[in-house]
Protein backbone atom coordinates (compact mmCIF):
# COMPACT_ATOMS: atom_id res chain seq x y z
CA MET A 1 88.36 6.88 87.41
CA GLU A 2 90.37 3.94 87.96
CA ASN A 3 89.23 0.80 86.78
CA PHE A 4 88.31 -1.53 89.78
CA GLN A 5 86.23 -4.30 88.71
CA THR A 6 83.73 -5.49 89.90
CA PRO A 7 82.76 -8.79 91.03
CA GLN A 8 81.84 -10.91 88.26
CA PHE A 9 79.07 -13.00 90.38
CA PRO A 10 77.39 -10.65 93.02
CA GLU A 11 77.64 -12.83 96.24
CA SER A 12 76.38 -11.26 99.54
CA TYR A 13 79.27 -10.61 102.38
CA TRP A 14 76.88 -11.58 105.15
CA ARG A 15 76.10 -14.99 103.37
CA ASP A 16 79.60 -15.95 102.57
CA SER A 17 81.38 -14.81 105.74
CA VAL A 18 79.33 -17.69 107.89
CA LYS A 19 78.82 -21.49 107.61
CA LEU A 20 75.11 -21.90 108.12
CA PRO A 21 73.35 -25.06 109.17
CA THR A 22 72.03 -27.00 105.92
CA PHE A 23 68.19 -29.17 106.68
CA PRO A 24 66.15 -31.68 104.76
CA LYS A 25 63.30 -31.38 102.16
CA LEU A 26 60.20 -32.35 104.17
CA GLN A 27 59.33 -35.72 102.69
CA GLU A 28 55.90 -36.22 104.30
CA SER A 29 52.88 -34.66 106.54
CA ILE A 30 53.51 -33.50 109.20
CA LYS A 31 51.14 -31.96 112.05
CA VAL A 32 52.31 -28.84 114.35
CA ASP A 33 50.87 -26.19 116.69
CA VAL A 34 52.29 -23.77 114.22
CA GLY A 35 53.53 -23.67 110.58
CA ILE A 36 55.59 -20.73 109.10
CA VAL A 37 56.68 -20.69 105.76
CA GLY A 38 59.98 -18.29 104.94
CA GLY A 39 63.54 -18.91 106.71
CA GLY A 40 64.48 -14.70 107.04
CA ILE A 41 64.76 -12.83 110.67
CA THR A 42 60.54 -12.91 111.19
CA GLY A 43 60.36 -16.74 110.59
CA ILE A 44 63.51 -17.46 112.73
CA THR A 45 63.14 -15.51 115.20
CA THR A 46 59.41 -15.72 115.29
CA ALA A 47 59.82 -19.84 115.71
CA TYR A 48 62.60 -19.01 118.22
CA LEU A 49 59.86 -16.84 120.45
CA LEU A 50 57.05 -19.56 120.27
CA ALA A 51 59.49 -22.71 121.07
CA LYS A 52 60.67 -21.31 123.77
CA GLN A 53 56.76 -21.16 124.71
CA ASN A 54 56.97 -24.46 124.39
CA LEU A 55 54.74 -24.83 120.92
CA LYS A 56 55.61 -27.34 118.00
CA VAL A 57 57.22 -25.45 115.23
CA ALA A 58 57.49 -26.41 111.55
CA LEU A 59 59.75 -23.96 109.15
CA LEU A 60 59.60 -24.58 105.87
CA ASP A 61 62.14 -22.29 102.79
CA ALA A 62 61.59 -23.02 99.65
CA GLY A 63 64.73 -21.89 99.02
CA VAL A 64 67.42 -22.60 102.23
CA ILE A 65 67.25 -19.95 105.18
CA LEU A 66 68.94 -16.79 104.85
CA ASN A 67 69.19 -16.30 101.78
CA GLY A 68 66.07 -14.24 100.37
CA THR A 69 66.01 -10.57 102.33
CA THR A 70 67.56 -11.09 105.26
CA GLY A 71 70.57 -12.17 103.55
CA HIS A 72 71.06 -9.93 101.53
CA THR A 73 70.31 -6.79 104.40
CA THR A 74 72.47 -4.10 105.15
CA ALA A 75 71.82 -4.89 108.66
CA LYS A 76 71.06 -1.38 110.27
CA ILE A 77 69.70 -1.72 113.08
CA THR A 78 67.48 1.21 114.30
CA ALA A 79 64.50 3.03 114.22
CA GLN A 80 65.43 5.62 111.80
CA HIS A 81 63.96 4.74 108.05
CA GLY A 82 64.38 7.24 105.88
CA LEU A 83 62.18 10.16 106.51
CA ILE A 84 59.19 9.10 107.68
CA TYR A 85 58.36 10.24 111.01
CA ASP A 86 57.11 13.79 110.07
CA GLU A 87 55.15 12.01 107.38
CA ILE A 88 53.45 9.58 109.53
CA ILE A 89 52.92 12.35 111.92
CA GLN A 90 50.70 14.34 109.33
CA HIS A 91 49.17 11.47 107.36
CA PHE A 92 47.74 9.68 110.86
CA GLY A 93 48.98 11.41 114.01
CA ILE A 94 50.88 11.14 116.66
CA GLU A 95 50.06 8.72 118.64
CA LYS A 96 50.87 6.46 115.54
CA ALA A 97 54.10 7.75 115.16
CA SER A 98 54.83 7.29 118.27
CA LEU A 99 53.57 3.70 118.13
CA TYR A 100 56.17 3.31 115.63
CA TYR A 101 58.86 4.33 117.18
CA GLN A 102 58.55 3.09 120.24
CA ALA A 103 57.92 -0.85 117.83
CA ASN A 104 61.10 -0.12 116.41
CA ALA A 105 62.91 0.99 119.09
CA GLU A 106 61.74 -2.56 121.45
CA ALA A 107 63.16 -4.68 118.64
CA LYS A 108 66.33 -3.57 118.62
CA GLN A 109 66.63 -3.96 122.34
CA PHE A 110 64.92 -7.26 121.80
CA ILE A 111 68.19 -7.73 119.42
CA GLU A 112 70.74 -6.46 122.40
CA GLN A 113 69.14 -8.71 124.63
CA THR A 114 69.48 -11.34 122.56
CA VAL A 115 72.98 -11.26 122.16
CA ASP A 116 73.64 -10.60 125.62
CA GLN A 117 71.91 -13.54 126.59
CA HIS A 118 73.47 -15.85 124.16
CA ARG A 119 76.50 -14.25 124.62
CA ILE A 120 76.48 -13.99 120.60
CA ASP A 121 79.26 -12.73 118.39
CA CYS A 122 77.78 -11.13 115.62
CA ASP A 123 79.59 -7.68 115.65
CA PHE A 124 76.76 -5.72 117.76
CA LYS A 125 78.06 -2.30 117.75
CA LYS A 126 75.81 0.67 118.21
CA GLU A 127 76.53 3.85 116.49
CA ASP A 128 74.80 6.53 115.82
CA ALA A 129 72.35 6.86 112.80
CA TYR A 130 72.37 9.85 110.05
CA ILE A 131 69.70 11.39 107.43
CA TYR A 132 72.14 13.49 105.36
CA THR A 133 71.83 16.12 103.04
CA ASN A 134 73.83 18.49 100.34
CA ALA A 135 70.66 19.51 98.65
CA LYS A 136 69.04 22.88 99.59
CA SER A 137 65.91 21.55 98.56
CA TYR A 138 65.14 19.31 101.15
CA LEU A 139 66.86 21.31 104.23
CA THR A 140 62.93 21.94 105.38
CA ASN A 141 62.62 18.21 104.70
CA LEU A 142 65.17 17.62 107.11
CA GLU A 143 64.02 20.21 109.81
CA ASN A 144 60.51 19.02 109.68
CA GLU A 145 61.58 15.80 110.28
CA LYS A 146 63.46 16.77 113.79
CA LYS A 147 60.45 18.91 115.01
CA ALA A 148 58.97 15.00 114.52
CA TYR A 149 62.20 13.33 116.80
CA ASP A 150 61.50 16.13 119.47
CA GLN A 151 57.14 15.47 119.24
CA LEU A 152 58.57 11.96 119.94
CA LYS A 153 61.14 13.11 122.52
CA ILE A 154 63.64 10.92 120.07
CA ASP A 155 67.25 11.87 121.21
CA SER A 156 68.37 13.53 118.24
CA GLU A 157 70.74 16.11 116.65
CA LEU A 158 70.40 18.36 113.88
CA THR A 159 73.53 19.12 112.14
CA ASP A 160 75.83 20.91 109.35
CA LYS A 161 78.93 18.05 109.98
CA ILE A 162 79.28 14.81 109.26
CA PRO A 163 82.44 12.06 110.16
CA LEU A 164 82.50 11.02 106.43
CA ASN A 165 84.55 13.21 104.52
CA MET A 166 81.98 14.60 102.62
CA LEU A 167 80.32 17.89 101.99
CA VAL A 168 76.82 18.13 103.27
CA LYS A 169 74.87 21.15 103.87
CA SER A 170 72.38 19.05 106.90
CA ALA A 171 72.09 16.29 108.92
CA LEU A 172 69.77 14.83 111.20
CA ILE A 173 71.48 11.86 113.48
CA MET A 174 69.38 9.55 115.67
CA LYS A 175 71.66 8.78 118.81
CA ASP A 176 71.77 5.37 120.01
CA GLN A 177 70.96 2.87 116.91
CA ALA A 178 73.34 -0.30 116.15
CA GLN A 179 74.37 -2.63 113.32
CA PHE A 180 75.34 -6.06 113.72
CA HIS A 181 76.06 -9.31 110.98
CA PRO A 182 72.78 -9.93 110.64
CA LEU A 183 73.38 -13.77 109.88
CA LYS A 184 75.75 -14.74 112.72
CA TYR A 185 72.96 -13.34 115.45
CA LEU A 186 70.12 -15.63 113.20
CA LYS A 187 72.88 -18.59 112.85
CA VAL A 188 72.34 -18.12 116.58
CA LEU A 189 68.75 -18.24 117.21
CA THR A 190 68.03 -21.19 114.32
CA GLU A 191 70.21 -23.71 116.67
CA LYS A 192 68.66 -22.66 119.57
CA SER A 193 65.11 -23.07 118.31
CA LYS A 194 66.01 -26.72 116.90
CA GLU A 195 67.39 -27.33 120.37
CA ASN A 196 63.93 -26.53 121.69
CA GLY A 197 61.94 -28.86 118.94
CA VAL A 198 61.87 -26.63 116.02
CA GLN A 199 61.58 -28.39 112.62
CA PHE A 200 63.45 -26.95 109.76
CA TYR A 201 63.02 -28.25 106.06
CA GLU A 202 64.47 -26.35 102.79
CA GLN A 203 64.07 -26.81 99.62
CA THR A 204 60.48 -27.34 100.32
CA THR A 205 58.19 -24.84 98.10
CA ALA A 206 54.64 -23.91 100.46
CA VAL A 207 52.23 -23.25 97.38
CA ASP A 208 48.88 -23.32 99.26
CA VAL A 209 46.68 -23.62 102.87
CA GLU A 210 43.17 -25.62 102.53
CA HIS A 211 41.19 -25.20 105.57
CA ASN A 212 39.27 -28.05 107.68
CA ASN A 213 39.00 -28.18 111.01
CA ASN A 214 42.50 -26.54 110.95
CA PRO A 215 44.27 -25.13 108.59
CA ALA A 216 47.10 -26.83 106.16
CA ILE A 217 50.54 -26.34 104.54
CA VAL A 218 50.23 -27.46 101.21
CA THR A 219 53.81 -27.97 99.46
CA SER A 220 54.55 -28.28 95.83
CA GLU A 221 54.93 -32.19 96.15
CA GLY A 222 51.45 -32.39 97.62
CA HIS A 223 52.98 -32.78 101.32
CA ARG A 224 50.69 -30.88 104.22
CA ILE A 225 51.55 -29.04 107.15
CA THR A 226 48.73 -29.77 109.26
CA CYS A 227 48.84 -26.96 112.36
CA LYS A 228 46.47 -24.68 114.33
CA TYR A 229 48.47 -20.99 112.67
CA VAL A 230 49.92 -20.51 109.36
CA ILE A 231 52.48 -17.93 109.25
CA SER A 232 53.52 -17.15 105.98
CA ALA A 233 56.84 -14.95 106.43
CA SER A 234 58.14 -15.58 102.50
CA HIS A 235 58.69 -11.85 101.69
CA PHE A 236 55.87 -11.53 99.52
CA PRO A 237 53.27 -13.61 100.94
CA PHE A 238 52.32 -17.20 99.72
CA PHE A 239 48.93 -17.03 100.24
CA ASP A 240 46.79 -14.45 100.04
CA LYS A 241 43.24 -15.45 100.72
CA GLU A 242 41.74 -13.01 98.36
CA SER A 243 43.32 -9.60 100.58
CA PHE A 244 45.20 -8.81 96.90
CA TYR A 245 48.38 -7.86 98.23
CA PHE A 246 50.05 -7.70 95.26
CA SER A 247 47.92 -4.27 94.28
CA ARG A 248 48.44 -2.92 97.77
CA MET A 249 52.28 -3.62 97.54
CA TYR A 250 55.64 -2.43 94.97
CA ALA A 251 58.92 -4.01 95.08
CA GLU A 252 62.46 -2.20 94.51
CA ARG A 253 65.47 -3.44 93.81
CA SER A 254 68.79 -2.71 95.67
CA TYR A 255 72.36 -3.05 95.03
CA VAL A 256 75.57 -3.56 98.04
CA THR A 257 78.81 -2.89 96.71
CA ALA A 258 81.06 -3.59 99.29
CA ILE A 259 84.57 -2.24 99.40
CA LYS A 260 87.98 -1.64 100.75
CA SER A 261 89.06 1.65 101.27
CA PRO A 262 92.84 3.44 102.00
CA LYS A 263 90.73 5.33 104.91
CA ASP A 264 89.51 3.86 108.05
CA PHE A 265 85.46 3.96 108.81
CA PRO A 266 84.84 6.48 111.19
CA GLY A 267 81.69 5.13 112.74
CA GLY A 268 78.31 5.80 112.14
CA MET A 269 75.40 4.80 109.95
CA TYR A 270 74.21 6.72 107.01
CA ILE A 271 71.85 7.38 104.36
CA ASN A 272 70.50 10.86 102.09
CA ALA A 273 67.56 11.86 102.13
CA GLU A 274 67.54 12.62 98.48
CA SER A 275 67.44 10.28 95.48
CA PRO A 276 69.31 8.28 94.50
CA THR A 277 69.53 6.60 97.52
CA ARG A 278 72.74 6.96 98.92
CA SER A 279 73.68 4.69 102.27
CA ILE A 280 76.66 4.13 103.68
CA ARG A 281 77.70 1.65 106.72
CA SER A 282 80.86 -0.33 107.53
CA THR A 283 81.63 -3.69 108.77
CA SER A 284 84.77 -6.05 109.91
CA MET A 285 85.90 -8.72 107.65
CA ASN A 286 89.87 -10.20 108.77
CA GLY A 287 90.46 -7.26 111.09
CA GLU A 288 90.12 -5.08 108.45
CA ASP A 289 86.93 -2.00 108.07
CA LEU A 290 84.91 -3.06 105.00
CA TRP A 291 82.61 -0.02 103.38
CA LEU A 292 79.01 -1.52 102.09
CA ILE A 293 77.63 1.08 99.86
CA SER A 294 73.99 0.47 98.93
CA GLY A 295 71.23 2.36 97.30
CA GLU A 296 69.49 2.86 93.95
CA SER A 297 66.13 1.83 94.30
CA HIS A 298 63.60 1.14 91.89
CA LYS A 299 60.93 -0.51 91.02
CA THR A 300 61.43 -4.26 90.03
CA GLY A 301 62.05 -4.86 86.34
CA GLN A 302 61.80 -1.38 85.84
CA GLY A 303 65.00 1.55 85.28
CA ASP A 304 68.96 1.38 83.60
CA SER A 305 70.29 -2.24 82.85
CA THR A 306 71.18 -3.28 86.88
CA ILE A 307 75.15 -4.03 86.54
CA THR A 308 74.87 -0.12 85.63
CA HIS A 309 73.99 0.41 89.32
CA TYR A 310 76.39 -0.94 90.72
CA ASN A 311 78.33 0.74 88.46
CA LYS A 312 77.22 3.95 90.00
CA LEU A 313 77.67 2.87 93.42
CA LYS A 314 81.16 1.97 92.64
CA GLU A 315 81.75 5.66 91.53
CA PHE A 316 79.83 7.68 94.53
CA ALA A 317 82.65 4.89 96.20
CA HIS A 318 86.15 5.99 94.28
CA ARG A 319 84.43 10.25 94.52
CA HIS A 320 83.74 10.18 98.16
CA ILE A 321 85.63 7.52 99.85
CA GLY A 322 88.40 5.80 97.67
CA ILE A 323 88.15 2.26 96.52
CA ASN A 324 91.34 -0.43 97.03
CA ASP A 325 89.63 -2.86 96.03
CA VAL A 326 85.11 -3.83 95.43
CA VAL A 327 85.21 -7.32 97.18
CA TYR A 328 81.36 -7.86 97.07
CA ARG A 329 78.52 -6.80 95.09
CA TRP A 330 74.54 -8.23 95.90
CA SER A 331 71.58 -6.85 95.62
CA ALA A 332 67.65 -7.63 97.57
CA GLN A 333 64.20 -7.17 97.15
CA ASP A 334 62.05 -5.00 99.27
CA LEU A 335 58.15 -4.37 99.22
CA THR A 336 56.16 -1.27 100.20
CA THR A 337 53.04 -0.68 101.27
CA LEU A 338 50.86 1.66 100.46
CA ASP A 339 51.20 3.24 103.93
CA LYS A 340 54.65 2.63 104.43
CA ILE A 341 53.73 0.85 107.62
CA PRO A 342 54.58 -2.64 106.97
CA TYR A 343 51.40 -5.28 107.03
CA ILE A 344 51.58 -7.53 110.18
CA GLY A 345 48.92 -9.61 111.77
CA SER A 346 45.81 -11.71 110.46
CA ILE A 347 45.50 -12.24 107.03
CA THR A 348 42.20 -11.05 106.40
CA LYS A 349 40.31 -9.62 108.74
CA ASN A 350 37.93 -12.58 109.86
CA GLU A 351 40.95 -14.48 109.35
CA ASP A 352 42.59 -14.81 113.09
CA THR A 353 44.27 -18.43 112.35
CA ILE A 354 46.39 -16.76 108.78
CA LEU A 355 49.53 -14.56 109.60
CA VAL A 356 51.00 -12.50 107.31
CA ALA A 357 54.58 -10.32 107.93
CA THR A 358 55.18 -7.89 104.98
CA GLY A 359 56.29 -4.80 103.26
CA PHE A 360 59.17 -4.16 105.34
CA ARG A 361 60.64 -0.98 102.99
CA LYS A 362 64.24 -1.74 103.11
CA TRP A 363 63.81 -1.69 107.16
CA GLY A 364 63.48 -5.57 107.58
CA MET A 365 66.32 -5.86 110.67
CA THR A 366 63.61 -3.91 113.22
CA ASN A 367 60.44 -4.08 111.56
CA GLY A 368 60.94 -8.23 110.92
CA THR A 369 61.66 -8.74 114.49
CA ILE A 370 58.85 -6.74 115.93
CA ALA A 371 56.47 -8.84 113.48
CA ALA A 372 57.78 -11.87 115.16
CA LYS A 373 56.60 -10.36 118.71
CA ILE A 374 53.26 -9.37 117.08
CA LEU A 375 52.57 -12.88 115.53
CA THR A 376 54.09 -14.36 118.52
CA ASP A 377 52.06 -12.66 121.36
CA GLN A 378 48.41 -13.33 118.57
CA ILE A 379 49.67 -16.59 118.78
CA LEU A 380 49.68 -16.18 122.66
CA GLU A 381 46.33 -15.03 122.92
CA LYS A 382 48.64 -11.96 124.40
CA ASP A 383 47.61 -8.08 124.11
CA ASN A 384 50.56 -5.84 121.48
CA PRO A 385 50.46 -2.22 121.81
CA TYR A 386 51.51 -2.51 118.20
CA LYS A 387 49.04 -4.79 116.78
CA GLU A 388 46.27 -2.81 115.42
CA LEU A 389 49.04 0.01 113.28
CA TYR A 390 50.86 -3.30 111.93
CA THR A 391 46.63 -4.49 110.48
CA PRO A 392 46.57 -5.64 107.55
CA SER A 393 43.18 -5.16 107.39
CA ARG A 394 43.79 -1.35 107.54
CA PHE A 395 43.11 1.01 104.48
CA GLN A 396 43.59 4.70 105.10
CA ALA A 397 41.57 7.06 102.94
CA ASP A 398 45.15 8.92 102.89
CA PRO A 399 47.44 8.12 100.94
CA ALA A 400 46.27 4.98 100.61
CA VAL A 401 43.59 5.69 97.76
CA ARG A 402 45.93 7.42 95.66
CA LYS A 403 48.87 5.34 96.22
CA PHE A 404 46.72 2.64 94.90
CA ALA A 405 44.96 4.47 91.93
CA ARG A 406 49.30 5.44 91.18
CA MET A 407 50.93 1.39 91.91
CA ASN A 408 48.11 0.08 89.42
CA ALA A 409 47.97 3.16 86.81
CA ASP A 410 51.66 1.57 86.88
CA VAL A 411 51.11 -2.01 86.83
CA ALA A 412 48.51 -1.57 83.64
CA LYS A 413 51.29 -0.01 81.08
CA HIS A 414 53.69 -2.04 81.72
CA MET A 415 51.20 -4.56 80.77
CA ILE A 416 50.48 -3.35 78.15
CA LYS A 417 54.31 -1.92 76.79
CA GLY A 418 55.59 -5.25 77.61
CA LYS A 419 53.53 -7.17 75.22
CA LEU A 420 54.68 -4.43 72.82
CA GLU A 421 58.11 -4.51 73.44
CA TYR A 422 61.05 -7.16 71.94
CA THR A 423 63.87 -6.86 69.66
CA LYS A 424 64.72 -8.00 66.05
CA ASN A 425 68.13 -9.67 67.70
CA ASN A 426 69.86 -12.72 66.20
CA ILE A 427 70.11 -15.40 68.96
CA ASP A 428 73.23 -16.80 67.33
CA GLU A 429 74.88 -13.29 67.49
CA LEU A 430 74.00 -13.32 71.03
CA SER A 431 77.57 -12.86 73.61
CA THR A 432 78.01 -15.17 75.96
CA ASP A 433 76.24 -14.64 79.92
CA ASP A 434 74.65 -12.05 77.64
CA ALA A 435 70.31 -12.14 77.02
CA THR A 436 67.86 -10.76 75.02
CA VAL A 437 63.85 -10.59 73.88
CA THR A 438 62.94 -11.80 71.10
CA ARG A 439 59.72 -13.64 69.07
CA ILE A 440 60.11 -17.71 68.13
CA ASN A 441 57.25 -19.39 66.56
CA GLY A 442 55.06 -15.55 67.19
CA ASN A 443 55.93 -16.14 71.32
CA ARG A 444 57.41 -13.26 73.27
CA THR A 445 60.99 -15.10 74.09
CA GLY A 446 63.83 -14.60 76.82
CA VAL A 447 67.01 -15.81 75.81
CA TYR A 448 70.15 -15.93 77.96
CA ARG A 449 73.34 -17.32 77.14
CA ASP A 450 75.51 -18.96 79.60
CA GLN A 451 79.08 -19.00 80.46
CA ASN A 452 79.07 -22.24 79.01
CA ASN A 453 78.11 -20.66 75.59
CA GLU A 454 74.68 -22.75 75.88
CA LEU A 455 70.98 -21.30 75.15
CA HIS A 456 68.24 -20.80 77.77
CA MET A 457 65.28 -20.00 76.31
CA VAL A 458 61.96 -19.06 78.16
CA ASP A 459 58.06 -17.74 77.77
CA THR A 460 58.31 -13.86 78.69
CA THR A 461 55.54 -14.22 80.11
CA CYS A 462 55.11 -14.13 83.97
CA THR A 463 52.97 -16.81 85.46
CA HIS A 464 51.06 -14.37 88.08
CA MET A 465 49.38 -12.66 86.04
CA GLY A 466 50.54 -12.02 82.96
CA CYS A 467 52.99 -9.24 82.07
CA GLU A 468 55.77 -9.31 80.75
CA VAL A 469 59.10 -10.06 82.78
CA ALA A 470 62.14 -7.94 81.55
CA TRP A 471 66.38 -9.13 82.01
CA ASN A 472 68.48 -7.94 84.70
CA SER A 473 71.80 -8.01 83.84
CA GLY A 474 73.49 -7.92 87.42
CA ASP A 475 72.04 -11.09 89.22
CA ARG A 476 71.12 -12.92 85.29
CA THR A 477 67.23 -12.92 86.14
CA TRP A 478 63.51 -12.66 84.84
CA ASP A 479 62.14 -9.65 86.56
CA CYS A 480 58.27 -8.95 86.66
CA PRO A 481 57.91 -5.00 86.06
CA CYS A 482 54.04 -5.24 88.12
CA HIS A 483 54.31 -7.33 90.69
CA GLY A 484 58.12 -7.87 91.03
CA SER A 485 58.63 -11.69 91.04
CA ARG A 486 61.58 -12.74 90.01
CA PHE A 487 62.77 -15.66 87.93
CA SER A 488 65.95 -17.66 87.40
CA TYR A 489 67.14 -17.88 83.90
CA THR A 490 66.03 -21.10 83.01
CA GLY A 491 62.60 -20.02 84.59
CA GLU A 492 62.56 -20.96 87.80
CA VAL A 493 60.94 -19.04 90.54
CA ILE A 494 63.21 -16.87 92.90
CA GLU A 495 60.68 -14.63 94.49
CA GLY A 496 56.76 -14.47 94.56
CA PRO A 497 53.97 -13.77 94.28
CA ALA A 498 53.98 -15.77 91.43
CA LYS A 499 53.81 -19.59 91.77
CA ARG A 500 55.14 -20.96 88.98
CA PRO A 501 57.82 -21.18 86.80
CA LEU A 502 58.32 -19.47 83.49
CA ALA A 503 57.37 -21.91 80.84
CA LYS A 504 60.57 -23.03 78.77
CA ILE A 505 61.47 -22.90 74.96
CA ASP A 506 62.78 -25.92 73.15
CA ASN A 507 65.96 -24.47 71.28
CA GLU A 508 66.23 -27.16 68.74
């Protein structure tokens, strides 16, 4: 294939194509009605809804808003979440499958109505969503999913052709779904929320919750946000309250390449049924089609050198679509729960003042939006038809027990394996923009040599539960294979559950 250069540094098209507002760091303790931790689609939509009800809201983010999973999504607004409905019916019954579909359809409707209400220019576009396969072994899966759609009265069609110039054996269409530019949409919700009195704070890390008469969010600098309700919308819950969320979810990374092709995009949103995942949609960039090719999911901190995942997506695009240029690449991290349904609601069964939303399994545009509605209704003491379906305190015997055992056996394996693995590389021979794991003074040490030939050395023991992190060459981060914590090459926390940075090693 032709040698199209992969962009050297990962950058999201969404973030590069919109100017977002900036907000100050929290410098003092404050009191509000609701404190929200996390500036993604869930946190911002919840703040927007609560402020409309005249509640006093503060939203804080450890970095800058819309730079987490929401800023790195593929931004499909759809209730088609892979092959999910037949599975939900088999495990939990048709009523819960129907509720899951209705919740995500309601989220899609809310986004569309909000776009219309505020006349938001966010490239909102209705598209059919396709699950396709060219593998004979998946034909039955698609047929069973179609039967599930029929039981749930989902407008759909089973076909053997798709608008893309690709051979497929079968494809299942969910009609009338949508896509948009998520940050153009959420920028307006942020502005509307600010107009309604929401206080936004960036570079403000929440580390704990204290309980007196009311809960208080404690920041890393010791400030407190005292409130009636705390919402953890920080991707991974920043506060656990002995709920062991790290053992009830697993983290996966997936990758996106944005390409210009000689072909016009024919419309539609696509994802294959088999592995490795190949997801395809388009967006408009300066009047041209920008094809977004994503997939290559793997558990965080495990698998191939991460740069190879971008290359595999590029090879797929070259083979099936054709490439004029590769203009962006980025990756995202997503959490999946034991039963694949997100955890939304009270953090524990008996704790109604601390709420959580997590585990969206790569479908955060609709799940994050319905989470905002569920959490808002709970705070306003209004009934919500989806509350029980998403409650975090559920623990289904099937398939949760088996999944729980497998996940935690995998954690144990990687914890032991990591303690034994290291290289004997001579760090003096390390190339620029490369990393290795070695032992320095008997300690397992991660070493990265940056573009300026400067060495950055960290203790590779994850500060969450002691697993050993692995180098992520695609994003220049240290990633934990056990519970998905991620750290910059200087050791700072990028994603939890870890709260403390990796210890720096003196390279003198």
